Protein backbone atom coordinates (compact mmCIF):
# COMPACT_ATOMS: atom_id res chain seq x y z
CA MET A 1 63.71 -152.94 -160.42
CA THR A 2 61.69 -149.77 -161.10
CA LEU A 3 57.96 -150.15 -161.71
CA PRO A 4 55.59 -147.34 -162.73
CA VAL A 5 52.36 -147.85 -160.82
CA THR A 6 48.86 -146.39 -160.85
CA ILE A 7 46.96 -146.22 -157.59
CA ALA A 8 43.18 -146.00 -157.78
CA SER A 9 41.95 -144.22 -154.67
CA GLY A 10 39.26 -141.73 -153.75
CA GLY A 11 37.68 -141.79 -157.18
CA THR A 12 40.87 -140.82 -158.98
CA GLU A 13 44.08 -142.38 -160.30
CA LEU A 14 47.46 -141.41 -158.89
CA SER A 15 50.84 -142.03 -160.52
CA GLY A 16 53.78 -143.49 -158.66
CA ASP A 17 57.25 -145.00 -158.97
CA LEU A 18 57.97 -148.23 -157.10
CA VAL A 19 61.64 -149.18 -156.78
CA VAL A 20 62.38 -152.66 -155.42
CA PRO A 21 65.94 -153.83 -154.66
CA ALA A 22 66.55 -157.46 -155.57
CA ASP A 23 67.04 -158.39 -151.91
CA ALA A 24 64.43 -156.07 -150.36
CA VAL A 25 63.67 -156.65 -146.68
CA GLY A 26 61.06 -153.91 -146.24
CA ALA A 27 59.22 -151.15 -148.05
CA VAL A 28 58.69 -147.42 -147.42
CA VAL A 29 55.87 -145.35 -148.90
CA PHE A 30 56.49 -141.59 -149.18
CA ALA A 31 53.86 -138.94 -148.46
CA HIS A 32 55.18 -135.68 -149.90
CA GLY A 33 54.66 -132.29 -148.38
CA SER A 34 52.59 -129.29 -149.33
CA GLY A 35 53.02 -128.12 -152.91
CA SER A 36 55.28 -131.05 -153.82
CA SER A 37 54.95 -134.27 -155.84
CA ARG A 38 56.58 -137.64 -156.38
CA PHE A 39 59.40 -135.79 -158.15
CA SER A 40 60.54 -134.04 -154.94
CA SER A 41 64.33 -133.98 -155.13
CA ARG A 42 64.65 -134.25 -151.34
CA ASN A 43 62.38 -137.26 -151.05
CA ARG A 44 64.08 -138.95 -153.99
CA ALA A 45 67.47 -138.46 -152.35
CA VAL A 46 66.19 -140.08 -149.15
CA ALA A 47 64.59 -142.86 -151.19
CA ARG A 48 67.92 -143.69 -152.87
CA SER A 49 69.57 -143.93 -149.47
CA LEU A 50 66.84 -146.29 -148.25
CA GLN A 51 67.19 -148.42 -151.36
CA ASP A 52 70.87 -148.85 -150.50
CA ARG A 53 69.66 -150.31 -147.20
CA ARG A 54 67.57 -152.91 -149.10
CA LEU A 55 64.28 -151.08 -148.63
CA ALA A 56 61.81 -150.79 -151.50
CA THR A 57 60.36 -147.29 -151.96
CA LEU A 58 57.15 -145.93 -153.43
CA LEU A 59 56.92 -142.25 -154.32
CA PHE A 60 53.51 -141.24 -155.64
CA ASP A 61 51.39 -138.15 -156.22
CA LEU A 62 48.78 -137.40 -153.58
CA LEU A 63 46.88 -135.21 -156.08
CA ASP A 64 45.92 -135.94 -159.67
CA GLU A 65 46.74 -133.49 -162.49
CA THR A 66 43.46 -131.58 -162.24
CA GLU A 67 43.80 -131.24 -158.50
CA GLU A 68 47.42 -130.13 -158.85
CA ARG A 69 46.33 -127.26 -161.08
CA GLN A 70 43.62 -126.30 -158.62
CA ASP A 71 46.00 -126.49 -155.68
CA ARG A 72 48.54 -124.24 -157.37
CA GLN A 73 45.83 -121.58 -157.42
CA THR A 74 44.32 -122.10 -153.97
CA ALA A 75 46.94 -124.00 -151.89
CA GLN A 76 44.02 -125.69 -150.11
CA LEU A 77 44.10 -129.35 -151.12
CA ARG A 78 47.65 -129.83 -149.84
CA PHE A 79 46.34 -129.24 -146.29
CA ASP A 80 43.24 -131.44 -146.67
CA ILE A 81 44.39 -134.29 -144.44
CA GLU A 82 41.02 -136.06 -144.66
CA LEU A 83 41.25 -136.07 -148.47
CA LEU A 84 44.85 -137.26 -148.57
CA THR A 85 44.86 -139.95 -145.86
CA PRO A 86 42.72 -142.48 -147.77
CA ARG A 87 45.03 -141.99 -150.75
CA LEU A 88 48.07 -142.91 -148.71
CA ILE A 89 46.18 -145.91 -147.36
CA GLY A 90 45.46 -146.90 -150.97
CA ALA A 91 49.18 -146.70 -151.72
CA LEU A 92 49.99 -148.83 -148.68
CA GLU A 93 47.45 -151.42 -149.81
CA HIS A 94 49.03 -151.39 -153.27
CA VAL A 95 52.46 -152.16 -151.82
CA ALA A 96 51.00 -154.87 -149.59
CA SER A 97 49.35 -156.59 -152.56
CA ASN A 98 51.94 -155.96 -155.30
CA ALA A 99 53.72 -159.15 -156.31
CA ALA A 100 57.12 -157.42 -156.01
CA THR A 101 56.57 -156.25 -152.44
CA SER A 102 53.88 -158.52 -150.99
CA GLY A 103 54.82 -159.75 -147.54
CA LEU A 104 57.35 -157.00 -146.83
CA PRO A 105 56.86 -154.96 -143.65
CA ILE A 106 55.89 -151.39 -144.59
CA GLY A 107 56.83 -147.98 -143.22
CA ALA A 108 55.83 -144.44 -144.19
CA PHE A 109 58.03 -141.38 -144.66
CA GLY A 110 56.08 -138.13 -144.43
CA ALA A 111 57.44 -134.67 -145.20
CA SER A 112 55.76 -131.44 -144.04
CA THR A 113 51.98 -131.95 -144.21
CA GLY A 114 52.64 -135.49 -145.46
CA ALA A 115 53.72 -136.38 -141.93
CA ALA A 116 50.19 -135.80 -140.67
CA VAL A 117 48.85 -137.94 -143.51
CA ALA A 118 51.26 -140.74 -142.58
CA LEU A 119 50.30 -140.62 -138.90
CA CYS A 120 46.57 -140.62 -139.69
CA ALA A 121 47.10 -143.64 -141.93
CA ALA A 122 49.05 -145.37 -139.17
CA ALA A 123 46.23 -144.73 -136.69
CA ARG A 124 43.49 -145.93 -139.02
CA ARG A 125 45.26 -148.95 -140.53
CA PRO A 126 47.69 -150.17 -137.87
CA GLU A 127 48.00 -153.58 -139.53
CA LEU A 128 49.52 -151.94 -142.63
CA LEU A 129 52.15 -149.67 -141.09
CA ARG A 130 55.04 -150.82 -138.92
CA ALA A 131 56.97 -147.52 -138.62
CA VAL A 132 56.67 -143.80 -139.43
CA VAL A 133 59.33 -141.14 -140.05
CA SER A 134 58.49 -137.43 -140.27
CA ARG A 135 60.86 -134.93 -141.94
CA GLY A 136 60.23 -131.30 -141.06
CA GLY A 137 56.68 -132.47 -140.54
CA ARG A 138 53.43 -131.17 -139.17
CA PRO A 139 52.35 -134.09 -136.99
CA ASP A 140 50.10 -131.68 -135.09
CA LEU A 141 47.75 -131.69 -138.11
CA ALA A 142 46.96 -135.36 -137.38
CA GLY A 143 44.82 -134.15 -134.46
CA ASP A 144 43.02 -136.82 -132.46
CA ASP A 145 44.56 -139.60 -134.57
CA LEU A 146 47.89 -139.07 -132.81
CA ALA A 147 46.74 -140.90 -129.71
CA ALA A 148 45.74 -143.95 -131.78
CA VAL A 149 49.10 -144.37 -133.53
CA ARG A 150 50.80 -147.66 -132.63
CA ALA A 151 53.68 -147.56 -135.11
CA PRO A 152 57.06 -146.41 -133.73
CA THR A 153 57.45 -142.81 -134.89
CA LEU A 154 60.58 -140.74 -135.51
CA LEU A 155 60.22 -136.94 -135.76
CA ILE A 156 63.15 -135.23 -137.54
CA VAL A 157 63.34 -131.43 -137.40
CA GLY A 158 65.97 -128.86 -138.35
CA GLU A 159 67.63 -126.89 -135.56
CA ARG A 160 66.83 -123.62 -137.38
CA ASP A 161 63.12 -124.39 -137.62
CA PRO A 162 61.97 -123.34 -134.12
CA GLN A 163 58.23 -123.14 -134.80
CA VAL A 164 58.14 -126.65 -136.25
CA ILE A 165 60.29 -127.94 -133.38
CA THR A 166 57.67 -126.62 -130.97
CA LEU A 167 54.81 -128.17 -132.96
CA ASN A 168 56.60 -131.52 -133.10
CA ARG A 169 57.31 -131.56 -129.37
CA GLN A 170 53.70 -130.70 -128.61
CA ALA A 171 52.46 -133.44 -130.96
CA ALA A 172 54.85 -135.94 -129.38
CA THR A 173 53.11 -135.53 -126.03
CA HIS A 174 50.00 -137.10 -127.60
CA LEU A 175 51.85 -140.15 -128.96
CA SER A 176 51.58 -143.29 -126.85
CA ALA A 177 53.62 -145.35 -129.32
CA GLU A 178 57.40 -145.53 -129.16
CA HIS A 179 58.71 -142.21 -130.49
CA GLU A 180 61.76 -139.99 -130.69
CA THR A 181 62.42 -136.41 -131.76
CA ARG A 182 65.79 -135.78 -133.40
CA ILE A 183 67.12 -132.31 -134.18
CA VAL A 184 69.50 -131.94 -137.15
CA PRO A 185 72.15 -129.34 -136.17
CA GLY A 186 72.28 -126.20 -138.33
CA ALA A 187 69.42 -127.34 -140.58
CA SER A 188 66.51 -125.14 -141.65
CA HIS A 189 63.01 -126.32 -142.61
CA LEU A 190 63.97 -127.70 -146.03
CA PHE A 191 67.30 -129.23 -144.91
CA GLU A 192 69.10 -127.47 -147.75
CA GLU A 193 72.34 -126.99 -145.82
CA GLU A 194 75.35 -129.11 -146.72
CA GLY A 195 75.06 -132.55 -145.21
CA ALA A 196 71.66 -131.93 -143.60
CA LEU A 197 69.62 -134.14 -145.90
CA GLU A 198 72.20 -136.91 -145.58
CA GLN A 199 71.64 -136.83 -141.83
CA VAL A 200 67.89 -137.09 -142.40
CA ALA A 201 68.44 -140.12 -144.62
CA ASP A 202 70.72 -141.74 -142.03
CA HIS A 203 68.22 -141.19 -139.21
CA ALA A 204 65.35 -142.49 -141.33
CA GLY A 205 67.32 -145.49 -142.58
CA GLU A 206 68.35 -146.48 -139.07
CA TRP A 207 64.75 -146.17 -137.82
CA PHE A 208 63.29 -148.22 -140.63
CA GLU A 209 65.99 -150.88 -140.36
CA ARG A 210 65.28 -151.18 -136.65
CA HIS A 211 61.51 -151.52 -137.00
CA LEU A 212 61.00 -153.11 -140.43
CA THR A 213 63.80 -155.68 -140.69
């Protein structure tokens, strides 16, 4: 079942696509990375893999159309973690209250800057989030919120992305929750290499199955 949804948050309305398998056992909300949207081909590929594991998925836009146009010019809003975190929280609340997903344990999948947004949401609303997965993320941008995260957190980074590996390992030292860092062999920042994204989906699926089901 695919449901178009509108999330009212932060004084604006954000569009999303909620996909719910008939036998869903959990739900995952996606926070896309800088300069992306709910149409991200990489996130949609991961979402399809999670759906095969009986996990509902919500992909939504963190910026509205006006903000998207502004961000294409300035590239500033995509890094505004304080702007974006309440929007992800609004999406989590939508999943928690939606008739199709109410009662399901919820996780968050954050890519790039979206990882920081997911971790900030986990710190501020621990009752909503049961697990977090970061893909090529910038968890360091979550700042002081890292220490308050209680949700088990998986950090996935490409082997050929040394700067982000360093940032993830540094951020991990501030996490008191259960956490792991997994390196995908031969993968660069966008996991465009053959088989790399499939490995991301497998790692994420295993993590969510372990902590949501």
